[in-house]
């Protein structure tokens, strides 16, 4: 529920898409955040270059999301949130939405 708040994209760029998947490129420098966004599909996150991240939901919930290089995480669609790189390394990931 975004209550009229304009949501941003899931990542910076779609690098591949077909009728079954959409793959996003995500890059966050230390201290950088993605805008508030929502995932409408289940998805996998593949950390190409890991970082210490925090997920902040629109309702104020904070979730530590350390993502080591090479790690893969599955997540269900859901809450409006933003991701912030709170570490000291650049975060690079591919996010694969399952349509």
Protein backbone atom coordinates (compact mmCIF):
# COMPACT_ATOMS: atom_id res chain seq x y z
CA UNK A 1 0.00 0.00 0.00
CA UNK A 2 1.64 3.20 -1.19
CA UNK A 3 -1.20 5.67 -0.35
CA UNK A 4 -0.58 7.87 -3.38
CA UNK A 5 3.19 7.98 -2.97
CA UNK A 6 4.97 7.80 -6.32
CA UNK A 7 7.08 4.66 -6.41
CA UNK A 8 10.38 4.27 -8.21
CA UNK A 9 11.59 1.40 -10.36
CA UNK A 10 12.92 -1.86 -8.93
CA UNK A 11 16.41 -1.17 -10.33
CA UNK A 12 18.30 1.25 -12.55
CA UNK A 13 17.98 -0.66 -15.83
CA UNK A 14 16.20 -3.68 -17.29
CA UNK A 15 18.95 -5.83 -18.83
CA UNK A 16 16.73 -8.69 -20.06
CA UNK A 17 13.02 -9.39 -20.34
CA UNK A 18 10.74 -11.99 -21.84
CA UNK A 19 7.27 -13.34 -21.02
CA UNK A 20 8.55 -15.25 -17.95
CA UNK A 21 11.26 -13.07 -16.34
CA UNK A 22 12.49 -9.49 -16.06
CA UNK A 23 16.12 -8.91 -15.03
CA UNK A 24 17.15 -5.62 -13.43
CA UNK A 25 20.63 -4.16 -12.90
CA UNK A 26 21.09 -2.61 -9.45
CA UNK A 27 24.09 -0.56 -8.35
CA UNK A 28 24.33 1.29 -5.04
CA UNK A 29 27.41 3.14 -3.88
CA UNK A 30 28.11 3.26 -0.12
CA UNK A 31 25.41 5.40 1.51
CA UNK A 32 23.20 5.37 -1.60
CA UNK A 33 19.53 4.32 -1.52
CA UNK A 34 17.02 3.11 -4.06
CA UNK A 35 13.75 5.05 -4.15
CA UNK A 36 10.67 3.56 -2.53
CA UNK A 37 9.43 0.72 -4.73
CA UNK A 38 7.35 -2.44 -4.64
CA UNK A 39 7.86 -5.87 -6.16
CA UNK A 40 4.69 -7.15 -7.83
CA UNK A 41 6.29 -10.53 -8.63
CA UNK A 42 8.39 -13.02 -6.65
CA UNK A 43 12.07 -12.45 -7.31
CA UNK A 44 15.66 -13.61 -6.88
CA UNK A 45 18.53 -11.29 -6.02
CA UNK A 46 21.99 -12.35 -7.22
CA UNK A 47 24.75 -10.30 -5.57
CA UNK A 48 27.44 -9.76 -8.20
CA UNK A 49 29.37 -7.62 -5.70
CA UNK A 50 28.03 -7.88 -2.18
CA UNK A 51 27.47 -5.21 0.42
CA UNK A 52 25.88 -4.56 3.80
CA UNK A 53 22.35 -3.38 3.00
CA UNK A 54 19.28 -2.36 4.96
CA UNK A 55 15.68 -2.69 3.78
CA UNK A 56 13.35 -0.03 5.19
CA UNK A 57 9.63 -0.62 4.64
CA UNK A 58 7.14 2.22 4.27
CA UNK A 59 5.67 1.29 7.68
CA UNK A 60 9.08 1.79 9.35
CA UNK A 61 10.28 -1.81 9.63
CA UNK A 62 14.07 -2.09 9.27
CA UNK A 63 15.58 -5.35 8.03
CA UNK A 64 19.34 -5.96 7.89
CA UNK A 65 20.07 -7.51 4.50
CA UNK A 66 23.74 -8.44 4.27
CA UNK A 67 24.29 -9.74 0.76
CA UNK A 68 27.65 -11.47 0.26
CA UNK A 69 29.26 -11.56 -3.18
CA UNK A 70 27.82 -14.52 -5.10
CA UNK A 71 24.88 -14.87 -2.73
CA UNK A 72 21.39 -15.60 -4.02
CA UNK A 73 18.21 -14.71 -2.11
CA UNK A 74 14.56 -15.48 -2.96
CA UNK A 75 11.90 -13.01 -1.85
CA UNK A 76 8.13 -12.89 -2.17
CA UNK A 77 6.47 -9.74 -3.52
CA UNK A 78 5.07 -7.40 -0.95
CA UNK A 79 5.65 -4.29 1.06
CA UNK A 80 6.70 -0.94 -0.33
CA UNK A 81 10.32 -0.45 0.70
CA UNK A 82 13.70 1.06 -0.12
CA UNK A 83 17.17 -0.47 -0.04
CA UNK A 84 20.19 1.39 1.35
CA UNK A 85 23.82 0.35 1.08
CA UNK A 86 25.10 1.00 4.61
CA UNK A 87 28.45 -0.69 3.99
CA UNK A 88 31.69 0.64 2.53
CA UNK A 89 31.68 -1.29 -0.78
CA UNK A 90 29.74 -0.76 -4.01
CA UNK A 91 26.74 -3.08 -4.28
CA UNK A 92 26.06 -4.66 -7.68
CA UNK A 93 23.23 -7.10 -8.23
CA UNK A 94 20.94 -8.70 -10.77
CA UNK A 95 17.35 -8.92 -9.63
CA UNK A 96 15.28 -11.53 -11.49
CA UNK A 97 11.51 -11.03 -11.30
CA UNK A 98 9.49 -14.19 -11.98
CA UNK A 99 6.38 -13.24 -13.95
